PDB file of N, CA and C in Angstrom:
ATOM      1  N   MET A   1      52.273  -8.381 -25.133  1.00  0.00           N
ATOM      2  CA  MET A   1      52.273  -9.091 -26.391  1.00  0.00           C
ATOM      3  C   MET A   1      51.244  -8.447 -27.319  1.00  0.00           C
ATOM      4  N   VAL A   2      51.623  -8.204 -28.548  1.00  0.00           N
ATOM      5  CA  VAL A   2      50.746  -7.584 -29.532  1.00  0.00           C
ATOM      6  C   VAL A   2      49.908  -8.673 -30.189  1.00  0.00           C
ATOM      7  N   LYS A   3      48.626  -8.436 -30.236  1.00  0.00           N
ATOM      8  CA  LYS A   3      47.709  -9.394 -30.826  1.00  0.00           C
ATOM      9  C   LYS A   3      47.437  -8.998 -32.271  1.00  0.00           C
ATOM     10  N   HIS A   4      47.692  -9.887 -33.199  1.00  0.00           N
ATOM     11  CA  HIS A   4      47.441  -9.617 -34.612  1.00  0.00           C
ATOM     12  C   HIS A   4      46.168 -10.321 -35.044  1.00  0.00           C
ATOM     13  N   GLY A   5      45.591  -9.845 -36.117  1.00  0.00           N
ATOM     14  CA  GLY A   5      44.367 -10.433 -36.608  1.00  0.00           C
ATOM     15  C   GLY A   5      43.183  -9.544 -36.295  1.00  0.00           C
ATOM     16  N   TYR A   6      42.025 -10.042 -36.617  1.00  0.00           N
ATOM     17  CA  TYR A   6      40.816  -9.255 -36.453  1.00  0.00           C
ATOM     18  C   TYR A   6      40.214  -9.488 -35.073  1.00  0.00           C
ATOM     19  N   ASP A   7      39.856  -8.433 -34.417  1.00  0.00           N
ATOM     20  CA  ASP A   7      39.333  -8.499 -33.059  1.00  0.00           C
ATOM     21  C   ASP A   7      37.972  -7.801 -33.040  1.00  0.00           C
ATOM     22  N   TRP A   8      36.915  -8.528 -32.771  1.00  0.00           N
ATOM     23  CA  TRP A   8      35.561  -7.971 -32.807  1.00  0.00           C
ATOM     24  C   TRP A   8      35.339  -6.905 -31.747  1.00  0.00           C
ATOM     25  N   GLU A   9      35.963  -7.067 -30.603  1.00  0.00           N
ATOM     26  CA  GLU A   9      35.809  -6.065 -29.550  1.00  0.00           C
ATOM     27  C   GLU A   9      36.365  -4.714 -30.010  1.00  0.00           C
ATOM     28  N   ARG A  10      37.542  -4.730 -30.629  1.00  0.00           N
ATOM     29  CA  ARG A  10      38.134  -3.491 -31.151  1.00  0.00           C
ATOM     30  C   ARG A  10      37.276  -2.916 -32.263  1.00  0.00           C
ATOM     31  N   PHE A  11      36.739  -3.799 -33.130  1.00  0.00           N
ATOM     32  CA  PHE A  11      35.860  -3.323 -34.202  1.00  0.00           C
ATOM     33  C   PHE A  11      34.699  -2.539 -33.624  1.00  0.00           C
ATOM     34  N   TRP A  12      34.006  -3.069 -32.623  1.00  0.00           N
ATOM     35  CA  TRP A  12      32.823  -2.415 -32.066  1.00  0.00           C
ATOM     36  C   TRP A  12      33.175  -1.139 -31.313  1.00  0.00           C
ATOM     37  N   ILE A  13      34.324  -1.111 -30.665  1.00  0.00           N
ATOM     38  CA  ILE A  13      34.755   0.115 -29.991  1.00  0.00           C
ATOM     39  C   ILE A  13      34.975   1.210 -31.028  1.00  0.00           C
ATOM     40  N   HIS A  14      35.713   0.893 -32.084  1.00  0.00           N
ATOM     41  CA  HIS A  14      35.959   1.867 -33.144  1.00  0.00           C
ATOM     42  C   HIS A  14      34.661   2.262 -33.849  1.00  0.00           C
ATOM     43  N   PHE A  15      33.785   1.292 -34.060  1.00  0.00           N
ATOM     44  CA  PHE A  15      32.523   1.541 -34.749  1.00  0.00           C
ATOM     45  C   PHE A  15      31.632   2.499 -33.953  1.00  0.00           C
ATOM     46  N   VAL A  16      31.446   2.213 -32.670  1.00  0.00           N
ATOM     47  CA  VAL A  16      30.568   3.048 -31.834  1.00  0.00           C
ATOM     48  C   VAL A  16      31.157   4.444 -31.670  1.00  0.00           C
ATOM     49  N   PHE A  17      32.457   4.519 -31.432  1.00  0.00           N
ATOM     50  CA  PHE A  17      33.103   5.824 -31.317  1.00  0.00           C
ATOM     51  C   PHE A  17      32.958   6.595 -32.624  1.00  0.00           C
ATOM     52  N   GLY A  18      33.118   5.924 -33.754  1.00  0.00           N
ATOM     53  CA  GLY A  18      32.944   6.560 -35.056  1.00  0.00           C
ATOM     54  C   GLY A  18      31.523   7.035 -35.278  1.00  0.00           C
ATOM     55  N   ALA A  19      30.546   6.271 -34.810  1.00  0.00           N
ATOM     56  CA  ALA A  19      29.149   6.674 -34.962  1.00  0.00           C
ATOM     57  C   ALA A  19      28.858   7.944 -34.169  1.00  0.00           C
ATOM     58  N   VAL A  20      29.392   8.036 -32.970  1.00  0.00           N
ATOM     59  CA  VAL A  20      29.164   9.220 -32.137  1.00  0.00           C
ATOM     60  C   VAL A  20      29.861  10.439 -32.741  1.00  0.00           C
ATOM     61  N   ILE A  21      31.134  10.285 -33.092  1.00  0.00           N
ATOM     62  CA  ILE A  21      31.882  11.395 -33.697  1.00  0.00           C
ATOM     63  C   ILE A  21      31.247  11.791 -35.026  1.00  0.00           C
ATOM     64  N   GLY A  22      30.823  10.812 -35.816  1.00  0.00           N
ATOM     65  CA  GLY A  22      30.177  11.098 -37.094  1.00  0.00           C
ATOM     66  C   GLY A  22      28.872  11.861 -36.924  1.00  0.00           C
ATOM     67  N   ALA A  23      28.093  11.522 -35.891  1.00  0.00           N
ATOM     68  CA  ALA A  23      26.834  12.231 -35.638  1.00  0.00           C
ATOM     69  C   ALA A  23      27.103  13.685 -35.241  1.00  0.00           C
ATOM     70  N   VAL A  24      28.110  13.896 -34.417  1.00  0.00           N
ATOM     71  CA  VAL A  24      28.458  15.265 -34.003  1.00  0.00           C
ATOM     72  C   VAL A  24      28.930  16.068 -35.209  1.00  0.00           C
ATOM     73  N   LEU A  25      29.860  15.500 -35.985  1.00  0.00           N
ATOM     74  CA  LEU A  25      30.373  16.200 -37.161  1.00  0.00           C
ATOM     75  C   LEU A  25      29.286  16.395 -38.215  1.00  0.00           C
ATOM     76  N   GLY A  26      28.402  15.416 -38.361  1.00  0.00           N
ATOM     77  CA  GLY A  26      27.283  15.551 -39.300  1.00  0.00           C
ATOM     78  C   GLY A  26      26.346  16.668 -38.890  1.00  0.00           C
ATOM     79  N   GLY A  27      26.074  16.769 -37.589  1.00  0.00           N
ATOM     80  CA  GLY A  27      25.218  17.851 -37.097  1.00  0.00           C
ATOM     81  C   GLY A  27      25.847  19.215 -37.320  1.00  0.00           C
ATOM     82  N   ILE A  28      27.133  19.327 -37.058  1.00  0.00           N
ATOM     83  CA  ILE A  28      27.834  20.593 -37.290  1.00  0.00           C
ATOM     84  C   ILE A  28      27.830  20.933 -38.776  1.00  0.00           C
ATOM     85  N   SER A  29      28.122  19.946 -39.598  1.00  0.00           N
ATOM     86  CA  SER A  29      28.143  20.164 -41.042  1.00  0.00           C
ATOM     87  C   SER A  29      26.768  20.561 -41.567  1.00  0.00           C
ATOM     88  N   TRP A  30      25.732  19.913 -41.050  1.00  0.00           N
ATOM     89  CA  TRP A  30      24.373  20.252 -41.485  1.00  0.00           C
ATOM     90  C   TRP A  30      24.026  21.686 -41.099  1.00  0.00           C
ATOM     91  N   LEU A  31      24.401  22.098 -39.899  1.00  0.00           N
ATOM     92  CA  LEU A  31      24.127  23.474 -39.473  1.00  0.00           C
ATOM     93  C   LEU A  31      24.868  24.490 -40.334  1.00  0.00           C
ATOM     94  N   GLN A  32      26.095  24.157 -40.738  1.00  0.00           N
ATOM     95  CA  GLN A  32      26.876  25.075 -41.565  1.00  0.00           C
ATOM     96  C   GLN A  32      26.351  25.149 -42.993  1.00  0.00           C
ATOM     97  N   ASN A  33      25.778  24.062 -43.491  1.00  0.00           N
ATOM     98  CA  ASN A  33      25.346  23.992 -44.886  1.00  0.00           C
ATOM     99  C   ASN A  33      23.832  23.907 -45.029  1.00  0.00           C
ATOM    100  N   TRP A  34      23.093  24.379 -44.042  1.00  0.00           N
ATOM    101  CA  TRP A  34      21.653  24.234 -44.039  1.00  0.00           C
ATOM    102  C   TRP A  34      21.018  25.030 -45.169  1.00  0.00           C
ATOM    103  N   HIS A  35      20.053  24.413 -45.825  1.00  0.00           N
ATOM    104  CA  HIS A  35      19.184  25.109 -46.767  1.00  0.00           C
ATOM    105  C   HIS A  35      17.872  24.347 -46.838  1.00  0.00           C
ATOM    106  N   GLN A  36      16.865  24.995 -47.338  1.00  0.00           N
ATOM    107  CA  GLN A  36      15.528  24.403 -47.401  1.00  0.00           C
ATOM    108  C   GLN A  36      15.564  23.093 -48.180  1.00  0.00           C
ATOM    109  N   GLY A  37      15.005  22.062 -47.610  1.00  0.00           N
ATOM    110  CA  GLY A  37      14.914  20.780 -48.285  1.00  0.00           C
ATOM    111  C   GLY A  37      16.018  19.796 -47.924  1.00  0.00           C
ATOM    112  N   LEU A  38      17.031  20.235 -47.214  1.00  0.00           N
ATOM    113  CA  LEU A  38      18.116  19.338 -46.816  1.00  0.00           C
ATOM    114  C   LEU A  38      17.713  18.637 -45.520  1.00  0.00           C
ATOM    115  N   SER A  39      17.498  17.344 -45.608  1.00  0.00           N
ATOM    116  CA  SER A  39      17.030  16.573 -44.462  1.00  0.00           C
ATOM    117  C   SER A  39      18.145  16.411 -43.415  1.00  0.00           C
ATOM    118  N   PRO A  40      17.916  16.897 -42.201  1.00  0.00           N
ATOM    119  CA  PRO A  40      18.966  16.758 -41.178  1.00  0.00           C
ATOM    120  C   PRO A  40      19.216  15.304 -40.796  1.00  0.00           C
ATOM    121  N   TRP A  41      18.182  14.485 -40.759  1.00  0.00           N
ATOM    122  CA  TRP A  41      18.363  13.095 -40.340  1.00  0.00           C
ATOM    123  C   TRP A  41      19.175  12.322 -41.361  1.00  0.00           C
ATOM    124  N   LEU A  42      18.890  12.521 -42.634  1.00  0.00           N
ATOM    125  CA  LEU A  42      19.640  11.830 -43.679  1.00  0.00           C
ATOM    126  C   LEU A  42      21.101  12.264 -43.654  1.00  0.00           C
ATOM    127  N   TRP A  43      21.337  13.551 -43.503  1.00  0.00           N
ATOM    128  CA  TRP A  43      22.693  14.097 -43.471  1.00  0.00           C
ATOM    129  C   TRP A  43      23.470  13.561 -42.263  1.00  0.00           C
ATOM    130  N   ILE A  44      22.872  13.636 -41.079  1.00  0.00           N
ATOM    131  CA  ILE A  44      23.556  13.225 -39.853  1.00  0.00           C
ATOM    132  C   ILE A  44      23.760  11.711 -39.815  1.00  0.00           C
ATOM    133  N   VAL A  45      22.745  10.950 -40.191  1.00  0.00           N
ATOM    134  CA  VAL A  45      22.873   9.490 -40.204  1.00  0.00           C
ATOM    135  C   VAL A  45      23.881   9.046 -41.258  1.00  0.00           C
ATOM    136  N   GLY A  46      23.918   9.735 -42.383  1.00  0.00           N
ATOM    137  CA  GLY A  46      24.903   9.415 -43.416  1.00  0.00           C
ATOM    138  C   GLY A  46      26.322   9.634 -42.926  1.00  0.00           C
ATOM    139  N   PHE A  47      26.573  10.792 -42.329  1.00  0.00           N
ATOM    140  CA  PHE A  47      27.891  11.079 -41.769  1.00  0.00           C
ATOM    141  C   PHE A  47      28.246  10.035 -40.721  1.00  0.00           C
ATOM    142  N   SER A  48      27.323   9.767 -39.821  1.00  0.00           N
ATOM    143  CA  SER A  48      27.561   8.824 -38.737  1.00  0.00           C
ATOM    144  C   SER A  48      27.882   7.434 -39.279  1.00  0.00           C
ATOM    145  N   SER A  49      27.143   6.990 -40.264  1.00  0.00           N
ATOM    146  CA  SER A  49      27.348   5.653 -40.833  1.00  0.00           C
ATOM    147  C   SER A  49      28.710   5.524 -41.506  1.00  0.00           C
ATOM    148  N   VAL A  50      29.077   6.532 -42.280  1.00  0.00           N
ATOM    149  CA  VAL A  50      30.354   6.473 -42.989  1.00  0.00           C
ATOM    150  C   VAL A  50      31.525   6.464 -42.012  1.00  0.00           C
ATOM    151  N   ILE A  51      31.509   7.372 -41.047  1.00  0.00           N
ATOM    152  CA  ILE A  51      32.606   7.432 -40.076  1.00  0.00           C
ATOM    153  C   ILE A  51      32.647   6.150 -39.243  1.00  0.00           C
ATOM    154  N   ALA A  52      31.475   5.614 -38.857  1.00  0.00           N
ATOM    155  CA  ALA A  52      31.429   4.382 -38.068  1.00  0.00           C
ATOM    156  C   ALA A  52      32.014   3.205 -38.845  1.00  0.00           C
ATOM    157  N   LEU A  53      31.635   3.064 -40.101  1.00  0.00           N
ATOM    158  CA  LEU A  53      32.155   1.953 -40.899  1.00  0.00           C
ATOM    159  C   LEU A  53      33.653   2.084 -41.152  1.00  0.00           C
ATOM    160  N   LEU A  54      34.099   3.295 -41.484  1.00  0.00           N
ATOM    161  CA  LEU A  54      35.539   3.485 -41.688  1.00  0.00           C
ATOM    162  C   LEU A  54      36.312   3.226 -40.401  1.00  0.00           C
ATOM    163  N   GLY A  55      35.802   3.732 -39.291  1.00  0.00           N
ATOM    164  CA  GLY A  55      36.468   3.509 -38.011  1.00  0.00           C
ATOM    165  C   GLY A  55      36.492   2.041 -37.635  1.00  0.00           C
ATOM    166  N   GLY A  56      35.376   1.357 -37.834  1.00  0.00           N
ATOM    167  CA  GLY A  56      35.301  -0.058 -37.480  1.00  0.00           C
ATOM    168  C   GLY A  56      36.162  -0.939 -38.356  1.00  0.00           C
ATOM    169  N   LEU A  57      36.129  -0.710 -39.651  1.00  0.00           N
ATOM    170  CA  LEU A  57      36.850  -1.574 -40.577  1.00  0.00           C
ATOM    171  C   LEU A  57      38.348  -1.276 -40.633  1.00  0.00           C
ATOM    172  N   LEU A  58      38.723  -0.008 -40.597  1.00  0.00           N
ATOM    173  CA  LEU A  58      40.134   0.356 -40.722  1.00  0.00           C
ATOM    174  C   LEU A  58      40.829   0.559 -39.379  1.00  0.00           C
ATOM    175  N   GLY A  59      40.045   0.748 -38.326  1.00  0.00           N
ATOM    176  CA  GLY A  59      40.606   0.827 -36.979  1.00  0.00           C
ATOM    177  C   GLY A  59      41.556   1.981 -36.760  1.00  0.00           C
ATOM    178  N   ASP A  60      42.686   1.673 -36.156  1.00  0.00           N
ATOM    179  CA  ASP A  60      43.657   2.691 -35.776  1.00  0.00           C
ATOM    180  C   ASP A  60      44.211   3.459 -36.968  1.00  0.00           C
ATOM    181  N   ARG A  61      44.342   2.810 -38.121  1.00  0.00           N
ATOM    182  CA  ARG A  61      44.845   3.513 -39.313  1.00  0.00           C
ATOM    183  C   ARG A  61      43.923   4.665 -39.688  1.00  0.00           C
ATOM    184  N   PHE A  62      42.622   4.430 -39.635  1.00  0.00           N
ATOM    185  CA  PHE A  62      41.664   5.497 -39.951  1.00  0.00           C
ATOM    186  C   PHE A  62      41.741   6.615 -38.929  1.00  0.00           C
ATOM    187  N   TRP A  63      41.780   6.278 -37.640  1.00  0.00           N
ATOM    188  CA  TRP A  63      41.782   7.310 -36.609  1.00  0.00           C
ATOM    189  C   TRP A  63      43.059   8.130 -36.628  1.00  0.00           C
ATOM    190  N   GLU A  64      44.186   7.522 -36.944  1.00  0.00           N
ATOM    191  CA  GLU A  64      45.423   8.292 -37.092  1.00  0.00           C
ATOM    192  C   GLU A  64      45.296   9.281 -38.246  1.00  0.00           C
ATOM    193  N   TRP A  65      44.784   8.815 -39.379  1.00  0.00           N
ATOM    194  CA  TRP A  65      44.576   9.692 -40.531  1.00  0.00           C
ATOM    195  C   TRP A  65      43.575  10.795 -40.183  1.00  0.00           C
ATOM    196  N   PHE A  66      42.489  10.428 -39.540  1.00  0.00           N
ATOM    197  CA  PHE A  66      41.433  11.374 -39.176  1.00  0.00           C
ATOM    198  C   PHE A  66      41.977  12.489 -38.284  1.00  0.00           C
ATOM    199  N   LEU A  67      42.721  12.139 -37.255  1.00  0.00           N
ATOM    200  CA  LEU A  67      43.271  13.138 -36.340  1.00  0.00           C
ATOM    201  C   LEU A  67      44.328  14.014 -37.006  1.00  0.00           C
ATOM    202  N   ARG A  68      45.118  13.445 -37.905  1.00  0.00           N
ATOM    203  CA  ARG A  68      46.106  14.237 -38.626  1.00  0.00           C
ATOM    204  C   ARG A  68      45.443  15.253 -39.551  1.00  0.00           C
ATOM    205  N   ASN A  69      44.307  14.890 -40.139  1.00  0.00           N
ATOM    206  CA  ASN A  69      43.632  15.742 -41.119  1.00  0.00           C
ATOM    207  C   ASN A  69      42.410  16.452 -40.549  1.00  0.00           C
ATOM    208  N   LEU A  70      42.273  16.492 -39.250  1.00  0.00           N
ATOM    209  CA  LEU A  70      41.101  17.099 -38.619  1.00  0.00           C
ATOM    210  C   LEU A  70      41.054  18.609 -38.812  1.00  0.00           C
ATOM    211  N   ARG A  71      42.185  19.233 -39.018  1.00  0.00           N
ATOM    212  CA  ARG A  71      42.210  20.696 -39.102  1.00  0.00           C
ATOM    213  C   ARG A  71      41.426  21.235 -40.303  1.00  0.00           C
ATOM    214  N   TRP A  72      41.118  20.446 -41.326  1.00  0.00           N
ATOM    215  CA  TRP A  72      40.296  20.941 -42.441  1.00  0.00           C
ATOM    216  C   TRP A  72      38.867  21.213 -41.987  1.00  0.00           C
ATOM    217  N   TRP A  73      38.496  20.724 -40.832  1.00  0.00           N
ATOM    218  CA  TRP A  73      37.173  21.022 -40.277  1.00  0.00           C
ATOM    219  C   TRP A  73      37.221  22.374 -39.657  1.00  0.00           C
TER     220      TRP A  73
END
C-alpha cells in the first residue's frame, strides 16, 4: 500500500543523505574553483545545506531530477 502525505522519517533520510552528498560535491567544487580568500567551510556547508534542504523537502522528485542531471558535474 502506498502511503501518501508527509512522512518525517522519509524527510530525515532524504535530508541526511542530501547533506552528505552536498558536502562531497561542495568539497569537489571548492577544490576545482579554489582561489585565495574562498572559505572552504562556507562553500562546503552552503552546498551541503542546499542539497539537504532540497532533498528533504522535495524528496524523490529532487533525487530523480538530480540523478538525471548529474552528468553536468
